[in-house]
Amino acid sequence: MKIFIRQISEKDVFDVTLLCHQLGYDLSENQISENIRSILNNKDNDAFVAVFENRVIGWIGVSQALQVESAPFCEIRGLIVDNLYRKNGVGKMLIEKAAGWGREKGNKKLKLRCNVKRTEAHLFYQHLNFKESKQQKVFEMAI
């Protein structure tokens, strides 16, 4: 299986939207297109896609995190691999790309957050040597 990883582009919006819908993120193509543009125009964010036979089968978003209370780190902001291509090394390839991006920015850590309901994803991350460092609750409010 010949898969290659490249930077995301606006032409990927249709496939990326379908992948988002697989995990229940029901954003419109217009919103995802706007998000991709914003990411590509921000030096502290990037996103990459996995391509197989000219079709996007996965994507990863990554960002540089700067906080007062901790050293800078790189954070995976989203990762989705098409249901049909899971367990073929695609997720690992995308994470390796994100880790490389983070190293180029001078980071020593790659972090991610994962919904407590996604137990299969937890096993995947642990298999790739991610260690659980804390549990937290996420709060939000409309502004």
Protein backbone atom coordinates (compact mmCIF):
# COMPACT_ATOMS: atom_id res chain seq x y z
CA MET A 1 0.00 0.00 0.00
CA LYS A 2 1.71 3.19 -1.23
CA ILE A 3 0.66 6.07 1.04
CA PHE A 4 2.27 9.47 1.07
CA ILE A 5 1.91 12.38 3.46
CA ARG A 6 1.71 16.00 2.31
CA GLN A 7 0.53 19.34 3.61
CA ILE A 8 -3.21 19.83 3.51
CA SER A 9 -4.65 22.12 0.83
CA GLU A 10 -8.02 23.67 0.14
CA LYS A 11 -8.59 21.15 -2.65
CA ASP A 12 -8.81 18.46 0.08
CA VAL A 13 -11.94 19.97 1.63
CA PHE A 14 -14.41 17.38 0.29
CA ASP A 15 -12.45 14.35 1.51
CA VAL A 16 -11.58 16.02 4.83
CA THR A 17 -15.25 16.85 5.39
CA LEU A 18 -16.24 13.22 4.81
CA LEU A 19 -13.59 12.06 7.26
CA CYS A 20 -14.78 14.54 9.88
CA HIS A 21 -18.31 13.24 9.50
CA GLN A 22 -17.07 9.69 10.22
CA LEU A 23 -16.24 10.79 13.77
CA GLY A 24 -19.33 12.92 14.24
CA TYR A 25 -17.87 16.36 13.45
CA ASP A 26 -20.63 17.68 11.22
CA LEU A 27 -19.12 20.91 9.94
CA SER A 28 -19.97 22.17 6.46
CA GLU A 29 -17.48 22.11 3.61
CA ASN A 30 -17.46 25.92 3.73
CA GLN A 31 -16.44 25.95 7.40
CA ILE A 32 -13.77 23.31 6.89
CA SER A 33 -12.43 25.21 3.88
CA GLU A 34 -12.24 28.38 5.99
CA ASN A 35 -10.50 26.43 8.77
CA ILE A 36 -7.93 25.01 6.33
CA ARG A 37 -7.20 28.50 5.00
CA SER A 38 -6.73 29.84 8.52
CA ILE A 39 -4.40 27.00 9.48
CA LEU A 40 -2.28 27.45 6.36
CA ASN A 41 -1.97 31.18 7.07
CA ASN A 42 -0.74 30.68 10.65
CA LYS A 43 2.92 29.76 11.20
CA ASP A 44 2.07 28.09 14.53
CA ASN A 45 -0.41 25.65 12.96
CA ASP A 46 -0.29 23.12 10.18
CA ALA A 47 -2.17 20.10 8.89
CA PHE A 48 -1.21 17.13 6.77
CA VAL A 49 -3.10 14.52 4.79
CA ALA A 50 -2.41 10.87 4.02
CA VAL A 51 -3.07 10.09 0.36
CA PHE A 52 -3.66 6.69 -1.21
CA GLU A 53 -4.47 6.36 -4.91
CA ASN A 54 -5.14 10.12 -5.21
CA ARG A 55 -7.64 10.06 -2.33
CA VAL A 56 -7.25 11.58 1.12
CA ILE A 57 -7.64 8.75 3.63
CA GLY A 58 -6.57 10.58 6.77
CA TRP A 59 -5.52 13.92 8.17
CA ILE A 60 -3.78 15.39 11.20
CA GLY A 61 -3.77 18.93 12.58
CA VAL A 62 -0.89 20.16 14.71
CA SER A 63 -0.09 23.36 16.56
CA GLN A 64 2.62 25.06 18.54
CA ALA A 65 1.37 25.61 22.09
CA LEU A 66 2.75 28.49 24.13
CA GLN A 67 1.68 28.80 27.74
CA VAL A 68 2.91 30.76 30.71
CA GLU A 69 3.18 27.72 33.00
CA SER A 70 4.99 25.22 30.78
CA ALA A 71 7.73 24.91 28.18
CA PRO A 72 6.52 25.21 24.57
CA PHE A 73 5.16 21.99 23.13
CA CYS A 74 3.53 20.69 20.01
CA GLU A 75 -0.07 19.46 20.17
CA ILE A 76 -2.07 17.26 17.83
CA ARG A 77 -5.33 19.15 17.31
CA GLY A 78 -7.14 16.48 15.32
CA LEU A 79 -6.46 13.08 13.75
CA ILE A 80 -8.81 11.05 11.62
CA VAL A 81 -8.10 7.99 9.49
CA ASP A 82 -10.81 6.60 7.20
CA ASN A 83 -12.56 3.59 8.73
CA LEU A 84 -11.52 1.48 5.72
CA TYR A 85 -7.79 2.19 6.20
CA ARG A 86 -7.33 1.94 9.96
CA LYS A 87 -4.74 -0.52 11.29
CA ASN A 88 -2.55 -0.05 8.19
CA GLY A 89 -0.01 2.36 9.68
CA VAL A 90 -1.69 5.53 8.36
CA GLY A 91 -2.22 7.07 11.80
CA LYS A 92 1.36 6.32 12.77
CA MET A 93 2.65 7.98 9.60
CA LEU A 94 0.58 11.09 10.30
CA ILE A 95 1.79 11.25 13.92
CA GLU A 96 5.40 10.89 12.75
CA LYS A 97 4.85 13.83 10.39
CA ALA A 98 3.39 15.94 13.21
CA ALA A 99 6.27 14.99 15.50
CA GLY A 100 8.77 16.03 12.83
CA TRP A 101 6.97 19.36 12.41
CA GLY A 102 7.13 19.86 16.17
CA ARG A 103 10.85 19.03 16.32
CA GLU A 104 11.54 21.54 13.54
CA LYS A 105 9.86 24.17 15.75
CA GLY A 106 12.20 23.25 18.62
CA ASN A 107 9.72 21.28 20.74
CA LYS A 108 10.64 18.35 22.91
CA LYS A 109 7.10 17.06 23.52
CA LEU A 110 4.12 16.12 21.39
CA LYS A 111 0.80 16.07 23.24
CA LEU A 112 -2.79 15.30 22.34
CA ARG A 113 -6.22 15.17 23.91
CA CYS A 114 -8.62 12.31 23.31
CA ASN A 115 -12.27 11.91 24.25
CA VAL A 116 -12.71 9.42 27.10
CA LYS A 117 -15.23 7.53 24.94
CA ARG A 118 -12.62 6.71 22.27
CA THR A 119 -11.08 3.74 24.08
CA GLU A 120 -9.76 2.16 20.87
CA ALA A 121 -7.90 5.39 20.12
CA HIS A 122 -6.40 5.32 23.64
CA LEU A 123 -4.91 1.89 22.91
CA PHE A 124 -3.54 3.14 19.59
CA TYR A 125 -1.80 6.10 21.25
CA GLN A 126 -0.40 3.94 24.04
CA HIS A 127 0.94 1.52 21.43
CA LEU A 128 2.85 4.48 19.91
CA ASN A 129 4.41 5.26 23.33
CA PHE A 130 2.16 8.14 24.32
CA LYS A 131 1.73 8.16 28.11
CA GLU A 132 -1.39 9.42 29.83
CA SER A 133 -0.30 12.45 31.83
CA LYS A 134 -3.62 13.66 33.26
CA GLN A 135 -7.38 13.56 33.01
CA GLN A 136 -9.45 16.68 32.77
CA LYS A 137 -12.88 18.02 32.04
CA VAL A 138 -13.51 20.48 29.22
CA PHE A 139 -15.85 23.39 29.87
CA GLU A 140 -17.18 25.80 27.30
CA MET A 141 -19.52 28.75 27.10
CA ALA A 142 -21.04 30.66 24.26
CA ILE A 143 -19.51 34.12 23.76
